[in-house]
N, C-alpha and C. Protein backbone atom coordinates (compact mmCIF):
# COMPACT_ATOMS: atom_id res chain seq x y z
N MET A 1 120.87 22.75 -26.46
CA MET A 1 120.73 24.49 -26.29
C MET A 1 118.51 24.58 -26.50
N LEU A 2 118.02 24.76 -25.38
CA LEU A 2 116.53 25.02 -25.89
C LEU A 2 116.42 26.15 -26.24
N LEU A 3 115.50 26.35 -27.70
CA LEU A 3 115.41 27.72 -27.97
C LEU A 3 113.59 28.41 -27.66
N ASN A 4 113.67 29.09 -27.74
CA ASN A 4 112.25 29.90 -26.78
C ASN A 4 111.22 29.53 -28.04
N ARG A 5 110.90 29.28 -28.51
CA ARG A 5 109.49 29.33 -29.90
C ARG A 5 108.70 30.78 -30.18
N ARG A 6 108.60 31.54 -29.30
CA ARG A 6 107.89 32.88 -29.59
C ARG A 6 109.25 33.68 -30.20
N LYS A 7 110.27 33.25 -30.01
CA LYS A 7 111.54 33.79 -30.37
C LYS A 7 111.97 33.32 -31.99
N VAL A 8 111.85 32.29 -32.55
CA VAL A 8 112.44 31.50 -33.46
C VAL A 8 111.81 32.42 -35.06
N ARG A 9 112.27 32.82 -35.16
CA ARG A 9 112.00 33.35 -36.59
C ARG A 9 113.48 33.84 -37.44
N ILE A 10 113.39 33.81 -38.33
CA ILE A 10 114.58 33.82 -39.92
C ILE A 10 113.97 34.62 -40.61
N ASP A 11 114.74 36.17 -40.70
CA ASP A 11 114.53 36.74 -41.93
C ASP A 11 115.69 36.66 -42.76
N THR A 12 114.82 36.76 -44.01
CA THR A 12 116.13 36.57 -45.74
C THR A 12 116.32 38.08 -46.13
N GLU A 13 116.15 38.06 -47.45
CA GLU A 13 116.06 38.92 -48.01
C GLU A 13 114.57 39.24 -48.58
N ARG A 14 114.11 38.07 -49.07
CA ARG A 14 112.46 38.43 -49.56
C ARG A 14 111.71 37.27 -48.55
N MET A 15 112.00 36.88 -47.53
CA MET A 15 111.25 35.78 -46.93
C MET A 15 111.10 36.19 -45.29
N ILE A 16 109.81 35.98 -44.78
CA ILE A 16 110.24 35.83 -43.09
C ILE A 16 109.88 34.29 -42.57
N MET A 17 110.64 33.41 -42.01
CA MET A 17 110.39 31.92 -42.00
C MET A 17 110.27 32.42 -40.32
N ARG A 18 109.07 31.54 -39.93
CA ARG A 18 108.74 31.21 -38.45
C ARG A 18 107.53 30.40 -38.06
N PRO A 19 107.70 29.42 -36.96
CA PRO A 19 107.26 28.04 -36.79
C PRO A 19 105.11 28.46 -36.98
N PRO A 20 104.72 27.39 -37.49
CA PRO A 20 103.22 27.50 -37.67
C PRO A 20 102.40 28.13 -37.01
N VAL A 21 101.79 28.60 -36.90
CA VAL A 21 100.19 29.48 -35.79
C VAL A 21 98.79 28.57 -36.45
N HIS A 22 98.12 28.46 -35.49
CA HIS A 22 96.66 28.19 -35.88
C HIS A 22 96.17 28.46 -36.85
N SER A 23 96.46 30.25 -37.07
CA SER A 23 95.38 31.49 -38.04
C SER A 23 96.30 30.77 -39.64
N ASP A 24 97.36 29.89 -39.57
CA ASP A 24 98.39 29.80 -40.97
C ASP A 24 97.36 28.81 -41.75
N PHE A 25 96.04 28.03 -40.86
CA PHE A 25 95.77 26.72 -41.51
C PHE A 25 95.17 26.95 -42.73
N ARG A 26 94.24 28.36 -43.12
CA ARG A 26 93.31 28.29 -44.63
C ARG A 26 94.25 27.92 -45.64
N ASN A 27 95.40 28.97 -44.87
CA ASN A 27 96.39 29.43 -46.10
C ASN A 27 97.03 28.41 -46.77
N TRP A 28 97.78 27.47 -45.63
CA TRP A 28 98.73 26.09 -45.72
C TRP A 28 97.74 25.21 -46.72
N ALA A 29 96.12 25.15 -46.01
CA ALA A 29 95.78 23.84 -46.79
C ALA A 29 95.16 24.36 -47.67
N GLU A 30 94.99 25.35 -48.64
CA GLU A 30 94.66 26.15 -50.07
C GLU A 30 95.94 25.98 -50.53
N LEU A 31 96.81 26.29 -50.05
CA LEU A 31 98.55 26.00 -51.05
C LEU A 31 98.51 24.44 -51.15
N ARG A 32 98.27 23.72 -49.81
CA ARG A 32 99.16 22.29 -50.27
C ARG A 32 97.97 21.79 -51.40
N SER A 33 96.86 21.86 -50.76
CA SER A 33 95.30 21.42 -51.45
C SER A 33 95.91 21.97 -53.12
N ALA A 34 96.43 23.12 -53.91
CA ALA A 34 96.72 23.72 -54.84
C ALA A 34 97.67 23.30 -55.48
N SER A 35 98.30 22.66 -54.78
CA SER A 35 99.74 22.06 -55.27
C SER A 35 100.05 20.58 -55.57
N ALA A 36 98.71 19.68 -54.68
CA ALA A 36 98.84 19.28 -54.45
C ALA A 36 99.34 17.60 -55.58
N GLU A 37 98.99 17.78 -56.90
CA GLU A 37 99.63 16.92 -58.13
C GLU A 37 101.07 17.41 -58.16
N PHE A 38 101.66 18.69 -57.92
CA PHE A 38 102.97 19.15 -57.93
C PHE A 38 103.97 18.37 -56.85
N LEU A 39 102.86 18.04 -55.80
CA LEU A 39 104.27 17.61 -53.87
C LEU A 39 103.75 16.24 -54.30
N VAL A 40 102.62 15.99 -54.20
CA VAL A 40 102.87 13.92 -53.83
C VAL A 40 103.78 12.90 -54.52
N PRO A 41 104.00 13.04 -55.59
CA PRO A 41 105.12 12.59 -56.35
C PRO A 41 107.00 12.42 -55.33
N TRP A 42 106.56 13.06 -54.42
CA TRP A 42 108.06 13.62 -54.09
C TRP A 42 107.82 13.47 -52.18
N GLU A 43 106.73 13.11 -51.58
CA GLU A 43 106.38 13.36 -50.25
C GLU A 43 105.74 11.82 -49.74
N PRO A 44 106.14 11.25 -48.60
CA PRO A 44 105.11 10.72 -48.19
C PRO A 44 103.29 10.46 -48.23
N ALA A 45 102.89 9.50 -48.47
CA ALA A 45 101.45 9.32 -48.92
C ALA A 45 100.60 10.36 -47.61
N TRP A 46 99.31 11.12 -48.41
CA TRP A 46 98.83 11.57 -48.44
C TRP A 46 98.34 11.00 -47.07
N ALA A 47 97.50 11.04 -45.59
CA ALA A 47 96.40 10.44 -45.22
C ALA A 47 95.23 11.23 -45.88
N PRO A 48 94.08 10.58 -45.48
CA PRO A 48 92.81 10.88 -46.01
C PRO A 48 92.24 12.49 -45.12
N THR A 49 92.98 12.56 -43.97
CA THR A 49 92.93 13.46 -43.44
C THR A 49 94.13 14.58 -43.70
N HIS A 50 94.62 14.61 -44.31
CA HIS A 50 96.09 15.49 -43.97
C HIS A 50 95.38 17.01 -44.31
N LEU A 51 94.54 17.05 -45.30
CA LEU A 51 94.45 18.80 -45.34
C LEU A 51 93.67 18.98 -44.48
N SER A 52 92.90 18.60 -43.48
CA SER A 52 91.98 18.89 -42.11
C SER A 52 92.21 19.71 -41.26
N ARG A 53 91.43 20.80 -40.64
CA ARG A 53 91.85 21.45 -39.25
C ARG A 53 92.30 20.63 -38.25
N LYS A 54 92.20 19.25 -38.40
CA LYS A 54 92.65 18.45 -36.59
C LYS A 54 93.84 18.06 -37.17
N SER A 55 93.93 17.38 -38.23
CA SER A 55 95.58 17.69 -38.70
C SER A 55 96.30 18.43 -38.19
N PHE A 56 96.00 19.59 -38.82
CA PHE A 56 96.78 21.14 -38.71
C PHE A 56 97.37 21.43 -37.79
N THR A 57 96.13 21.48 -36.75
CA THR A 57 96.10 21.63 -35.36
C THR A 57 97.57 20.64 -34.58
N ASN A 58 97.34 19.50 -34.80
CA ASN A 58 98.02 18.32 -34.36
C ASN A 58 99.65 18.75 -35.37
N ARG A 59 99.89 19.43 -36.08
CA ARG A 59 100.86 19.59 -36.79
C ARG A 59 101.74 21.10 -35.75
N VAL A 60 100.88 22.17 -36.26
CA VAL A 60 101.01 23.37 -34.58
C VAL A 60 101.48 22.94 -33.72
N TYR A 61 100.77 21.90 -33.13
CA TYR A 61 101.57 21.27 -31.53
C TYR A 61 102.62 20.20 -31.88
N TRP A 62 102.68 19.90 -32.68
CA TRP A 62 104.28 19.14 -32.80
C TRP A 62 105.62 19.93 -33.13
N ALA A 63 104.99 21.25 -33.83
CA ALA A 63 106.01 22.23 -34.25
C ALA A 63 106.22 23.01 -32.88
N GLN A 64 105.63 23.08 -31.74
CA GLN A 64 105.81 23.87 -30.65
C GLN A 64 106.51 22.91 -30.10
N ARG A 65 105.94 21.82 -29.61
CA ARG A 65 107.08 20.53 -28.86
C ARG A 65 108.32 20.63 -28.93
N SER A 66 108.51 20.14 -31.08
CA SER A 66 110.13 20.02 -30.73
C SER A 66 111.19 21.15 -30.74
N ILE A 67 110.42 22.75 -31.14
CA ILE A 67 111.16 23.42 -31.09
C ILE A 67 111.53 23.62 -29.43
N GLY A 68 110.44 23.34 -28.62
CA GLY A 68 110.49 23.55 -27.31
C GLY A 68 111.72 22.09 -26.77
N THR A 69 111.44 21.36 -27.25
CA THR A 69 112.64 20.09 -26.89
C THR A 69 114.23 20.01 -27.63
N ASP A 70 114.23 21.00 -28.82
CA ASP A 70 115.25 20.90 -29.56
C ASP A 70 115.37 19.68 -30.35
N ASN A 71 114.19 19.45 -30.67
CA ASN A 71 114.14 18.09 -31.88
C ASN A 71 113.95 18.75 -33.56
N ALA A 72 113.04 19.85 -33.75
CA ALA A 72 113.15 19.82 -34.80
C ALA A 72 112.70 21.59 -35.31
N LEU A 73 112.76 22.20 -35.71
CA LEU A 73 113.02 23.13 -36.50
C LEU A 73 112.36 23.91 -37.42
N PRO A 74 110.90 23.55 -37.17
CA PRO A 74 109.92 23.57 -38.34
C PRO A 74 109.16 25.15 -38.14
N LEU A 75 109.23 25.06 -39.84
CA LEU A 75 109.45 26.96 -40.50
C LEU A 75 108.43 26.74 -41.21
N PHE A 76 107.98 28.25 -41.63
CA PHE A 76 106.39 28.13 -42.94
C PHE A 76 107.33 29.35 -43.46
N LEU A 77 107.39 29.62 -45.16
CA LEU A 77 108.04 30.76 -45.72
C LEU A 77 107.17 31.65 -46.13
N PHE A 78 107.00 32.81 -45.51
CA PHE A 78 106.32 33.90 -45.81
C PHE A 78 106.96 34.82 -46.75
N ARG A 79 106.25 35.45 -47.60
CA ARG A 79 107.35 36.25 -48.86
C ARG A 79 107.19 37.98 -47.75
N ARG A 80 107.96 38.33 -47.75
CA ARG A 80 108.00 39.80 -47.11
C ARG A 80 107.31 40.55 -47.41
N ASN A 81 107.07 40.94 -48.43
CA ASN A 81 106.50 41.94 -49.30
C ASN A 81 104.68 41.77 -49.11
N ASP A 82 104.39 40.42 -48.95
CA ASP A 82 102.99 40.55 -48.88
C ASP A 82 102.21 39.35 -47.85
N ASP A 83 103.80 39.15 -47.03
CA ASP A 83 102.76 37.78 -46.42
C ASP A 83 101.93 36.48 -46.54
N VAL A 84 102.62 36.40 -48.38
CA VAL A 84 101.86 35.48 -48.67
C VAL A 84 103.20 33.69 -48.08
N LEU A 85 102.24 33.11 -48.05
CA LEU A 85 102.58 31.98 -47.40
C LEU A 85 102.84 30.79 -48.81
N LEU A 86 104.58 30.84 -48.48
CA LEU A 86 104.74 30.14 -50.20
C LEU A 86 105.57 28.88 -49.92
N GLY A 87 105.71 28.11 -48.46
CA GLY A 87 106.07 26.59 -48.66
C GLY A 87 106.37 26.02 -46.66
N ALA A 88 107.19 25.57 -46.72
CA ALA A 88 107.77 24.84 -44.97
C ALA A 88 109.30 24.49 -45.33
N ILE A 89 109.77 24.62 -44.45
CA ILE A 89 111.44 24.19 -44.37
C ILE A 89 111.29 23.62 -43.15
N THR A 90 111.91 22.20 -42.45
CA THR A 90 111.84 21.32 -41.30
C THR A 90 113.44 21.10 -40.83
N LEU A 91 113.84 21.64 -40.33
CA LEU A 91 115.29 20.62 -39.64
C LEU A 91 115.05 19.85 -38.89
N ASP A 92 114.73 18.82 -39.20
CA ASP A 92 114.37 17.86 -37.73
C ASP A 92 115.18 16.61 -37.05
N ASN A 93 115.47 15.01 -37.08
CA ASN A 93 115.76 14.96 -36.20
C ASN A 93 116.63 15.17 -35.67
N ILE A 94 116.94 16.10 -35.20
CA ILE A 94 117.91 17.06 -34.59
C ILE A 94 118.53 15.78 -33.20
N ARG A 95 119.91 15.55 -33.80
CA ARG A 95 121.14 14.60 -32.58
C ARG A 95 122.20 15.44 -32.20
N ARG A 96 122.34 15.82 -30.62
CA ARG A 96 122.97 16.04 -29.85
C ARG A 96 124.26 15.73 -29.37
N GLY A 97 124.81 15.50 -28.76
CA GLY A 97 126.33 14.96 -28.11
C GLY A 97 127.20 14.75 -29.11
N PRO A 98 127.66 13.64 -29.50
CA PRO A 98 128.84 13.69 -30.61
C PRO A 98 128.31 14.54 -32.39
N ALA A 99 127.23 13.67 -32.44
CA ALA A 99 126.64 13.68 -33.91
C ALA A 99 126.62 15.59 -34.12
N GLN A 100 125.65 16.18 -33.04
CA GLN A 100 125.13 17.84 -33.60
C GLN A 100 124.76 17.51 -35.35
N ALA A 101 124.10 17.24 -35.39
CA ALA A 101 123.60 17.00 -36.32
C ALA A 101 121.63 16.84 -36.78
N GLY A 102 121.31 17.09 -37.75
CA GLY A 102 119.55 17.53 -38.16
C GLY A 102 119.80 16.78 -39.18
N THR A 103 118.26 17.17 -39.92
CA THR A 103 117.50 16.70 -41.36
C THR A 103 116.94 17.16 -41.88
N LEU A 104 117.78 18.18 -43.18
CA LEU A 104 116.10 19.18 -43.54
C LEU A 104 115.44 18.14 -44.89
N GLY A 105 114.10 18.92 -44.28
CA GLY A 105 112.87 18.75 -45.23
C GLY A 105 112.28 19.74 -45.65
N TYR A 106 111.65 19.94 -46.92
CA TYR A 106 111.01 20.58 -47.05
C TYR A 106 110.10 20.66 -48.34
N TRP A 107 109.18 22.11 -48.76
CA TRP A 107 108.26 22.01 -50.33
C TRP A 107 107.92 23.28 -49.98
N ILE A 108 107.75 23.80 -51.61
CA ILE A 108 107.16 24.92 -51.93
C ILE A 108 105.66 24.57 -52.54
N GLY A 109 104.98 25.92 -52.77
CA GLY A 109 104.14 25.44 -53.59
C GLY A 109 104.68 25.73 -54.70
N GLU A 110 103.46 24.85 -55.89
CA GLU A 110 104.13 24.99 -57.27
C GLU A 110 103.89 26.51 -57.70
N THR A 111 103.42 27.91 -57.31
CA THR A 111 103.01 28.32 -58.02
C THR A 111 104.67 29.53 -57.89
N PHE A 112 104.87 29.14 -56.66
CA PHE A 112 106.41 30.08 -56.31
C PHE A 112 107.33 29.16 -56.65
N ALA A 113 107.72 27.95 -56.79
CA ALA A 113 108.81 27.30 -57.36
C ALA A 113 109.70 27.61 -58.38
N ARG A 114 111.22 27.49 -58.39
CA ARG A 114 111.90 27.96 -59.44
C ARG A 114 112.45 29.52 -59.46
N GLN A 115 111.82 29.83 -58.41
CA GLN A 115 112.18 31.48 -58.27
C GLN A 115 113.01 31.88 -57.16
N GLY A 116 113.82 31.23 -56.71
CA GLY A 116 114.70 30.85 -55.80
C GLY A 116 114.83 30.97 -54.26
N PHE A 117 112.97 30.87 -54.13
CA PHE A 117 112.72 31.22 -52.57
C PHE A 117 113.33 29.90 -51.55
N MET A 118 113.56 28.83 -52.33
CA MET A 118 114.02 27.32 -51.33
C MET A 118 114.78 27.86 -50.94
N ARG A 119 115.84 28.00 -52.22
CA ARG A 119 117.62 28.28 -51.93
C ARG A 119 117.86 29.25 -50.87
N GLU A 120 117.27 30.33 -51.10
CA GLU A 120 117.11 31.21 -49.73
C GLU A 120 117.14 30.99 -49.19
N ALA A 121 115.71 30.11 -48.65
CA ALA A 121 115.40 29.61 -47.25
C ALA A 121 116.54 27.92 -46.52
N ILE A 122 116.82 27.72 -47.39
CA ILE A 122 117.63 26.57 -47.26
C ILE A 122 119.09 26.85 -46.74
N GLU A 123 120.30 28.12 -47.24
CA GLU A 123 120.84 28.92 -46.76
C GLU A 123 120.51 29.58 -45.79
N ALA A 124 119.77 29.79 -45.36
CA ALA A 124 119.34 30.74 -44.21
C ALA A 124 119.43 29.68 -42.94
N VAL A 125 118.61 28.88 -42.81
CA VAL A 125 118.41 27.51 -42.35
C VAL A 125 119.22 26.82 -41.43
N VAL A 126 120.42 26.63 -42.98
CA VAL A 126 121.72 26.30 -42.27
C VAL A 126 122.87 27.21 -41.49
N HIS A 127 122.27 28.23 -41.98
CA HIS A 127 123.86 29.29 -41.29
C HIS A 127 122.90 29.16 -40.30
N HIS A 128 121.25 29.32 -39.66
CA HIS A 128 121.04 28.97 -38.49
C HIS A 128 121.29 28.46 -37.72
N ALA A 129 121.23 26.96 -38.32
CA ALA A 129 121.19 25.52 -37.46
C ALA A 129 123.03 25.58 -37.28
N PHE A 130 124.07 25.82 -38.17
CA PHE A 130 125.61 26.11 -37.49
C PHE A 130 126.30 26.97 -36.95
N HIS A 131 125.16 28.26 -36.58
CA HIS A 131 126.17 29.48 -35.87
C HIS A 131 124.92 29.93 -34.65
N ARG A 132 123.91 29.66 -34.41
CA ARG A 132 122.70 29.75 -33.74
C ARG A 132 122.80 28.74 -33.14
N MET A 133 122.16 27.50 -33.36
CA MET A 133 122.41 25.79 -32.64
C MET A 133 122.81 25.07 -32.56
N GLU A 134 124.85 25.55 -33.30
CA GLU A 134 125.87 24.88 -33.49
C GLU A 134 125.66 23.59 -33.55
N LEU A 135 124.66 23.42 -34.85
CA LEU A 135 125.21 21.55 -35.45
C LEU A 135 126.35 21.75 -35.99
N SER A 136 126.83 20.62 -36.44
CA SER A 136 127.95 20.81 -37.09
C SER A 136 127.89 20.34 -38.24
N ARG A 137 126.67 19.34 -38.82
CA ARG A 137 126.35 18.45 -40.27
C ARG A 137 124.51 18.98 -39.92
N VAL A 138 124.51 19.47 -41.76
CA VAL A 138 122.84 19.36 -41.74
C VAL A 138 122.88 18.46 -43.18
N GLU A 139 121.75 17.18 -43.13
CA GLU A 139 122.08 15.97 -44.46
C GLU A 139 120.34 16.56 -45.23
N ALA A 140 120.06 15.77 -46.05
CA ALA A 140 119.37 15.82 -46.48
C ALA A 140 119.33 14.94 -47.54
N ALA A 141 118.37 14.39 -48.00
CA ALA A 141 117.76 13.11 -49.04
C ALA A 141 116.77 13.40 -50.11
N CYS A 142 117.23 13.05 -51.19
CA CYS A 142 115.79 12.77 -52.27
C CYS A 142 115.77 12.07 -53.62
N LEU A 143 114.73 12.04 -53.54
CA LEU A 143 115.02 11.15 -54.90
C LEU A 143 115.80 10.91 -56.29
N PRO A 144 116.69 10.31 -56.83
CA PRO A 144 117.66 10.77 -57.69
C PRO A 144 116.94 11.73 -58.77
N GLU A 145 115.51 11.41 -59.32
CA GLU A 145 114.99 11.81 -60.08
C GLU A 145 115.06 12.87 -59.90
N ASN A 146 114.35 13.66 -58.91
CA ASN A 146 114.19 15.36 -58.53
C ASN A 146 115.00 15.98 -58.72
N ILE A 147 115.45 16.14 -59.95
CA ILE A 147 116.55 17.07 -60.18
C ILE A 147 116.27 18.62 -59.76
N ALA A 148 115.22 18.98 -59.61
CA ALA A 148 114.66 20.80 -58.88
C ALA A 148 115.36 20.52 -57.51
N SER A 149 115.26 19.39 -57.02
CA SER A 149 115.35 19.31 -55.18
C SER A 149 117.24 19.37 -55.05
N ARG A 150 117.37 18.03 -56.41
CA ARG A 150 118.75 18.40 -56.06
C ARG A 150 119.77 19.30 -56.76
N GLY A 151 119.13 20.32 -57.72
CA GLY A 151 120.29 21.05 -58.10
C GLY A 151 119.83 22.41 -57.08
N VAL A 152 118.82 22.61 -56.56
CA VAL A 152 118.78 23.26 -55.12
C VAL A 152 119.74 22.80 -54.02
N LEU A 153 120.27 21.92 -53.70
CA LEU A 153 121.11 21.52 -52.37
C LEU A 153 122.40 21.77 -53.27
N GLU A 154 122.83 21.41 -53.87
CA GLU A 154 123.95 21.66 -54.99
C GLU A 154 124.27 23.07 -54.91
N LYS A 155 123.20 23.79 -54.72
CA LYS A 155 123.63 25.40 -55.31
C LYS A 155 123.75 25.70 -54.01
N SER A 156 123.08 24.66 -52.83
CA SER A 156 123.03 25.94 -51.64
C SER A 156 124.50 25.39 -50.54
N GLY A 157 125.11 24.35 -51.27
CA GLY A 157 126.40 23.97 -50.84
C GLY A 157 126.55 22.79 -50.32
N PHE A 158 125.62 22.54 -50.30
CA PHE A 158 125.41 20.29 -49.85
C PHE A 158 126.16 19.48 -51.26
N LYS A 159 126.47 18.47 -50.59
CA LYS A 159 127.57 17.60 -51.86
C LYS A 159 127.04 16.26 -50.95
N TYR A 160 127.18 15.96 -52.56
CA TYR A 160 126.51 14.18 -53.07
C TYR A 160 127.61 13.85 -51.99
N GLU A 161 126.68 12.67 -51.06
CA GLU A 161 127.30 11.61 -51.11
C GLU A 161 127.57 10.17 -51.05
N GLY A 162 125.87 9.87 -51.60
CA GLY A 162 125.72 8.52 -51.81
C GLY A 162 124.34 8.05 -51.63
N VAL A 163 124.22 6.78 -51.73
CA VAL A 163 122.75 6.49 -51.88
C VAL A 163 122.40 5.70 -51.18
N ALA A 164 121.11 5.94 -50.46
CA ALA A 164 120.44 4.88 -49.64
C ALA A 164 119.02 4.16 -49.80
N GLN A 165 119.27 2.79 -49.71
CA GLN A 165 118.29 1.86 -50.59
C GLN A 165 117.21 1.69 -49.46
N SER A 166 116.04 2.35 -50.51
CA SER A 166 114.58 1.65 -49.61
C SER A 166 114.37 3.02 -48.53
N TYR A 167 115.27 4.08 -48.40
CA TYR A 167 115.14 5.26 -47.56
C TYR A 167 114.43 5.55 -46.76
N LEU A 168 113.09 5.74 -47.72
CA LEU A 168 111.59 6.46 -47.24
C LEU A 168 110.51 6.25 -48.15
N GLN A 169 109.22 5.97 -47.42
CA GLN A 169 108.52 5.83 -48.22
C GLN A 169 107.42 6.80 -48.85
N ILE A 170 107.49 7.18 -50.29
CA ILE A 170 107.55 8.09 -50.52
C ILE A 170 106.32 8.04 -51.96
N ASN A 171 105.04 8.43 -51.22
CA ASN A 171 103.62 8.24 -52.24
C ASN A 171 103.44 6.57 -51.94
N GLY A 172 103.79 6.08 -50.99
CA GLY A 172 103.32 4.70 -50.39
C GLY A 172 104.36 3.71 -51.28
N ARG A 173 105.25 3.93 -51.16
CA ARG A 173 106.75 3.13 -52.28
C ARG A 173 107.73 3.41 -51.12
N TRP A 174 108.39 2.04 -51.00
CA TRP A 174 109.76 2.30 -50.62
C TRP A 174 110.63 2.74 -51.80
N ARG A 175 111.35 3.84 -51.49
CA ARG A 175 112.13 4.88 -52.37
C ARG A 175 113.29 5.09 -51.96
N THR A 176 114.62 4.29 -52.86
CA THR A 176 116.09 5.16 -52.84
C THR A 176 115.99 5.73 -52.79
N HIS A 177 116.99 6.63 -51.85
CA HIS A 177 117.52 8.37 -52.21
C HIS A 177 118.67 8.78 -52.33
N VAL A 178 119.19 9.62 -53.12
CA VAL A 178 120.43 10.42 -53.10
C VAL A 178 120.48 11.13 -51.67
N LEU A 179 122.01 11.19 -50.87
CA LEU A 179 122.21 12.12 -49.83
C LEU A 179 123.23 12.56 -50.31
N TYR A 180 122.99 13.94 -49.26
CA TYR A 180 123.36 15.61 -49.25
C TYR A 180 123.78 15.80 -48.04
N ALA A 181 125.06 16.39 -47.57
CA ALA A 181 124.66 16.62 -46.52
C ALA A 181 125.40 18.18 -46.86
N ALA A 182 125.65 19.15 -45.91
CA ALA A 182 126.13 20.45 -45.74
C ALA A 182 127.17 20.37 -43.75
N LEU A 183 128.14 20.93 -44.17
CA LEU A 183 129.40 20.61 -42.74
C LEU A 183 129.54 21.92 -42.48
N ARG A 184 129.56 22.07 -41.27
CA ARG A 184 130.25 23.62 -40.63
C ARG A 184 131.76 23.67 -41.56
N ASN A 185 132.30 22.94 -40.87
CA ASN A 185 133.49 23.09 -41.49
C ASN A 185 133.85 22.38 -42.83
N ASP A 186 133.48 22.75 -43.88
CA ASP A 186 133.95 21.51 -45.28
C ASP A 186 135.39 21.75 -45.54
N ARG A 187 135.77 20.70 -45.61
CA ARG A 187 137.36 20.87 -45.95
C ARG A 187 137.40 19.98 -47.12
N ARG A 188 136.20 19.23 -47.86
CA ARG A 188 136.36 18.71 -48.75
C ARG A 188 135.65 18.93 -50.38
N GLY A 189 136.09 20.34 -50.20
CA GLY A 189 136.38 21.25 -51.93
C GLY A 189 134.82 20.62 -52.64
N ARG A 190 134.76 20.85 -53.87
CA ARG A 190 133.92 20.56 -54.49
C ARG A 190 133.67 19.55 -55.26
N THR A 191 132.58 18.53 -54.85
CA THR A 191 132.43 17.25 -55.35
C THR A 191 131.16 16.93 -56.45
N LEU A 192 131.36 16.41 -57.25
CA LEU A 192 130.01 15.99 -58.19
C LEU A 192 129.13 14.73 -58.12
N ALA A 193 128.07 15.04 -58.23
CA ALA A 193 127.19 13.75 -57.39
C ALA A 193 127.41 12.96 -58.51
N GLY A 194 126.96 11.61 -57.57
CA GLY A 194 127.15 10.42 -58.42
C GLY A 194 126.12 9.92 -59.59
N GLN A 195 126.11 8.72 -60.02
CA GLN A 195 125.39 8.23 -60.59
C GLN A 195 124.79 8.42 -60.09
N ALA A 196 123.13 8.37 -59.91
CA ALA A 196 122.04 7.12 -58.84
C ALA A 196 121.28 6.52 -59.80
């Protein structure tokens, strides 16, 4: 199913979620810069040009192409009452055919953390993935010590599935991650996260 990028918008109680556009650059760069110390420990290493306009322009074009080809759904999170950029969430690596799955990634500006915005965003994107995109499985991974990320996934209905050794390069090093998934038709009941 191909999505029209001009129509991709998810509304929640407190947010509007939509793909990035060129005019978001300044707000994005300021939020990422102000939150760098908060974000860097959990993300792939930032290139020296990470916060540049050219890098952001490439990000916008990638988002447009990815939505048009049904490979990813990258969305920026805006607070509904004042249109302030809060962070971003991306459903990436969308696999069709027998898999019908995608991988979730997200970040939020430090000022807006621990206020329930990311849980609201995750739940809305997962609902969209299951009911509009007809996916069957949404996966997510995070560092074992990222208690905040593990907590938001578990509160959003994701269940712990295991550990992946040297899963992603984070801040310049190959790091082991804990794996979570949400299923459209989940019959697994409650599970407790394993010790990682």
